[in-house]
């Protein structure tokens, strides 16, 4: 499901701009979704690091790698 479909399911409505297009709908909501996703990724990564700080070396390394992988999802 793409951002436009998610926005519509959430109750956002598409509107027409003065020039007859709806491009602003795509750009604004896509940017908002990207910001929300980045915020959630960082919250998850921080939780992994907090958990890693309470673990032994093997688990700590795994959680640190998990945090790195979560953060990396935003770069692809």
N, C-alpha and C. Protein backbone atom coordinates (compact mmCIF):
# COMPACT_ATOMS: atom_id res chain seq x y z
N UNK A 1 0.85 -1.17 0.00
CA UNK A 1 0.00 0.00 0.00
C UNK A 1 0.91 1.24 0.00
N UNK A 2 0.63 2.18 -0.88
CA UNK A 2 1.47 3.38 -0.93
C UNK A 2 0.91 4.48 -0.03
N UNK A 3 1.64 5.56 0.07
CA UNK A 3 1.27 6.64 0.99
C UNK A 3 -0.08 7.26 0.66
N UNK A 4 -0.40 7.38 -0.62
CA UNK A 4 -1.68 7.97 -1.00
C UNK A 4 -2.83 7.07 -0.54
N UNK A 5 -2.70 5.78 -0.73
CA UNK A 5 -3.74 4.86 -0.28
C UNK A 5 -3.88 4.90 1.24
N UNK A 6 -2.76 4.96 1.95
CA UNK A 6 -2.81 5.05 3.41
C UNK A 6 -3.48 6.34 3.86
N UNK A 7 -3.14 7.44 3.22
CA UNK A 7 -3.74 8.73 3.57
C UNK A 7 -5.25 8.70 3.36
N UNK A 8 -5.68 8.14 2.26
CA UNK A 8 -7.12 8.06 1.99
C UNK A 8 -7.83 7.18 3.00
N UNK A 9 -7.19 6.07 3.38
CA UNK A 9 -7.78 5.19 4.41
C UNK A 9 -7.88 5.89 5.75
N UNK A 10 -6.96 6.82 6.00
CA UNK A 10 -6.96 7.56 7.26
C UNK A 10 -7.96 8.73 7.24
N UNK A 11 -8.57 8.95 6.07
CA UNK A 11 -9.58 10.00 5.99
C UNK A 11 -9.14 11.28 5.32
N UNK A 12 -7.88 11.33 4.87
CA UNK A 12 -7.44 12.51 4.14
C UNK A 12 -8.14 12.52 2.79
N UNK A 13 -8.45 13.69 2.33
CA UNK A 13 -9.12 13.78 1.04
C UNK A 13 -8.20 14.46 0.04
N UNK A 14 -8.32 14.02 -1.19
CA UNK A 14 -7.55 14.62 -2.26
C UNK A 14 -8.30 15.87 -2.69
N UNK A 15 -7.60 16.91 -2.98
CA UNK A 15 -8.24 18.15 -3.42
C UNK A 15 -7.55 18.66 -4.66
N UNK A 16 -8.25 19.48 -5.37
CA UNK A 16 -7.71 20.01 -6.61
C UNK A 16 -7.11 21.38 -6.35
N UNK A 17 -5.92 21.59 -6.88
CA UNK A 17 -5.26 22.89 -6.76
C UNK A 17 -5.81 23.84 -7.82
N UNK A 18 -5.46 25.09 -7.70
CA UNK A 18 -5.92 26.09 -8.66
C UNK A 18 -5.54 25.74 -10.09
N UNK A 19 -4.43 25.04 -10.28
CA UNK A 19 -4.01 24.69 -11.64
C UNK A 19 -4.64 23.39 -12.13
N UNK A 20 -5.55 22.81 -11.35
CA UNK A 20 -6.26 21.61 -11.77
C UNK A 20 -5.56 20.31 -11.43
N UNK A 21 -4.42 20.38 -10.75
CA UNK A 21 -3.68 19.17 -10.39
C UNK A 21 -3.90 18.83 -8.92
N UNK A 22 -3.45 17.66 -8.54
CA UNK A 22 -3.49 17.26 -7.13
C UNK A 22 -2.10 16.87 -6.66
N UNK A 23 -1.08 17.39 -7.31
CA UNK A 23 0.29 17.01 -6.98
C UNK A 23 0.69 17.36 -5.56
N UNK A 24 0.14 18.43 -5.02
CA UNK A 24 0.49 18.83 -3.65
C UNK A 24 0.11 17.73 -2.66
N UNK A 25 -0.98 17.05 -2.94
CA UNK A 25 -1.42 15.95 -2.08
C UNK A 25 -0.31 14.92 -1.95
N UNK A 26 0.23 14.49 -3.06
CA UNK A 26 1.30 13.49 -3.05
C UNK A 26 2.51 13.98 -2.29
N UNK A 27 2.97 15.17 -2.58
CA UNK A 27 4.22 15.68 -2.00
C UNK A 27 4.10 15.90 -0.50
N UNK A 28 3.05 16.53 -0.07
CA UNK A 28 2.93 16.83 1.36
C UNK A 28 2.78 15.57 2.20
N UNK A 29 1.90 14.69 1.77
CA UNK A 29 1.66 13.50 2.57
C UNK A 29 2.83 12.52 2.48
N UNK A 30 3.47 12.46 1.36
CA UNK A 30 4.66 11.60 1.25
C UNK A 30 5.76 12.10 2.17
N UNK A 31 5.96 13.41 2.24
CA UNK A 31 6.98 13.97 3.12
C UNK A 31 6.60 13.71 4.59
N UNK A 32 5.34 13.90 4.93
CA UNK A 32 4.88 13.65 6.29
C UNK A 32 5.10 12.18 6.66
N UNK A 33 4.75 11.28 5.76
CA UNK A 33 4.92 9.85 6.03
C UNK A 33 6.39 9.51 6.23
N UNK A 34 7.27 10.12 5.43
CA UNK A 34 8.70 9.87 5.57
C UNK A 34 9.21 10.35 6.93
N UNK A 35 8.71 11.49 7.39
CA UNK A 35 9.11 12.00 8.70
C UNK A 35 8.61 11.09 9.83
N UNK A 36 7.38 10.62 9.72
CA UNK A 36 6.83 9.72 10.73
C UNK A 36 7.63 8.41 10.76
N UNK A 37 7.91 7.86 9.58
CA UNK A 37 8.68 6.61 9.51
C UNK A 37 10.08 6.78 10.10
N UNK A 38 10.72 7.91 9.80
CA UNK A 38 12.07 8.15 10.34
C UNK A 38 12.02 8.25 11.86
N UNK A 39 11.00 8.91 12.37
CA UNK A 39 10.84 9.05 13.82
C UNK A 39 10.65 7.66 14.47
N UNK A 40 9.83 6.84 13.87
CA UNK A 40 9.58 5.49 14.40
C UNK A 40 10.82 4.61 14.32
N UNK A 41 11.56 4.70 13.20
CA UNK A 41 12.81 3.93 13.08
C UNK A 41 13.78 4.32 14.19
N UNK A 42 13.93 5.61 14.42
CA UNK A 42 14.87 6.07 15.44
C UNK A 42 14.42 5.61 16.83
N UNK A 43 13.13 5.65 17.11
CA UNK A 43 12.62 5.17 18.40
C UNK A 43 12.93 3.69 18.58
N UNK A 44 12.75 2.90 17.54
CA UNK A 44 13.05 1.46 17.61
C UNK A 44 14.55 1.23 17.80
N UNK A 45 15.36 1.97 17.08
CA UNK A 45 16.82 1.82 17.20
C UNK A 45 17.28 2.19 18.61
N UNK A 46 16.73 3.25 19.16
CA UNK A 46 17.10 3.66 20.52
C UNK A 46 16.70 2.59 21.53
N UNK A 47 15.56 1.97 21.33
CA UNK A 47 15.13 0.89 22.23
C UNK A 47 16.11 -0.27 22.16
N UNK A 48 16.57 -0.62 20.97
CA UNK A 48 17.58 -1.68 20.83
C UNK A 48 18.85 -1.34 21.60
N UNK A 49 19.30 -0.09 21.48
CA UNK A 49 20.52 0.34 22.18
C UNK A 49 20.31 0.30 23.69
N UNK A 50 19.15 0.74 24.16
CA UNK A 50 18.86 0.69 25.60
C UNK A 50 18.90 -0.75 26.09
N UNK A 51 18.33 -1.66 25.31
CA UNK A 51 18.35 -3.07 25.69
C UNK A 51 19.77 -3.62 25.63
N UNK A 52 20.54 -3.21 24.64
CA UNK A 52 21.92 -3.68 24.49
C UNK A 52 22.77 -3.29 25.70
N UNK A 53 22.50 -2.15 26.25
CA UNK A 53 23.27 -1.68 27.41
C UNK A 53 23.04 -2.53 28.65
N UNK A 54 22.02 -3.36 28.63
CA UNK A 54 21.72 -4.23 29.77
C UNK A 54 22.10 -5.69 29.52
N UNK A 55 22.74 -5.98 28.40
CA UNK A 55 23.00 -7.37 28.00
C UNK A 55 24.47 -7.73 28.02
N UNK A 56 24.71 -9.05 27.92
CA UNK A 56 26.09 -9.53 27.79
C UNK A 56 26.60 -9.20 26.39
N UNK A 57 27.86 -9.49 26.14
CA UNK A 57 28.51 -9.09 24.89
C UNK A 57 27.83 -9.62 23.63
N UNK A 58 27.45 -10.91 23.63
CA UNK A 58 26.86 -11.49 22.42
C UNK A 58 25.51 -10.85 22.11
N UNK A 59 24.67 -10.75 23.10
CA UNK A 59 23.36 -10.12 22.89
C UNK A 59 23.51 -8.64 22.59
N UNK A 60 24.44 -7.99 23.26
CA UNK A 60 24.66 -6.56 23.03
C UNK A 60 25.03 -6.31 21.57
N UNK A 61 25.94 -7.10 21.05
CA UNK A 61 26.36 -6.94 19.65
C UNK A 61 25.17 -7.15 18.71
N UNK A 62 24.36 -8.16 18.96
CA UNK A 62 23.19 -8.43 18.12
C UNK A 62 22.21 -7.25 18.15
N UNK A 63 21.99 -6.69 19.30
CA UNK A 63 21.07 -5.55 19.42
C UNK A 63 21.64 -4.29 18.77
N UNK A 64 22.95 -4.11 18.87
CA UNK A 64 23.58 -2.97 18.19
C UNK A 64 23.47 -3.10 16.68
N UNK A 65 23.64 -4.33 16.19
CA UNK A 65 23.50 -4.57 14.76
C UNK A 65 22.05 -4.35 14.34
N UNK A 66 21.12 -4.78 15.17
CA UNK A 66 19.70 -4.55 14.87
C UNK A 66 19.41 -3.05 14.78
N UNK A 67 19.94 -2.27 15.70
CA UNK A 67 19.75 -0.81 15.68
C UNK A 67 20.32 -0.22 14.41
N UNK A 68 21.50 -0.66 14.00
CA UNK A 68 22.11 -0.16 12.76
C UNK A 68 21.24 -0.49 11.56
N UNK A 69 20.70 -1.72 11.53
CA UNK A 69 19.86 -2.14 10.42
C UNK A 69 18.54 -1.37 10.37
N UNK A 70 17.99 -1.09 11.53
CA UNK A 70 16.75 -0.30 11.58
C UNK A 70 17.01 1.09 11.02
N UNK A 71 18.08 1.71 11.46
CA UNK A 71 18.41 3.05 10.98
C UNK A 71 18.71 3.05 9.47
N UNK A 72 19.34 1.99 8.99
CA UNK A 72 19.70 1.91 7.57
C UNK A 72 18.48 1.79 6.68
N UNK A 73 17.37 1.33 7.19
CA UNK A 73 16.16 1.21 6.37
C UNK A 73 15.73 2.56 5.82
N UNK A 74 16.11 3.64 6.45
CA UNK A 74 15.74 4.96 5.98
C UNK A 74 16.63 5.49 4.86
N UNK A 75 17.68 4.77 4.53
CA UNK A 75 18.61 5.26 3.52
C UNK A 75 18.42 4.58 2.17
N UNK A 76 17.50 3.64 2.10
CA UNK A 76 17.29 2.91 0.84
C UNK A 76 16.06 3.39 0.13
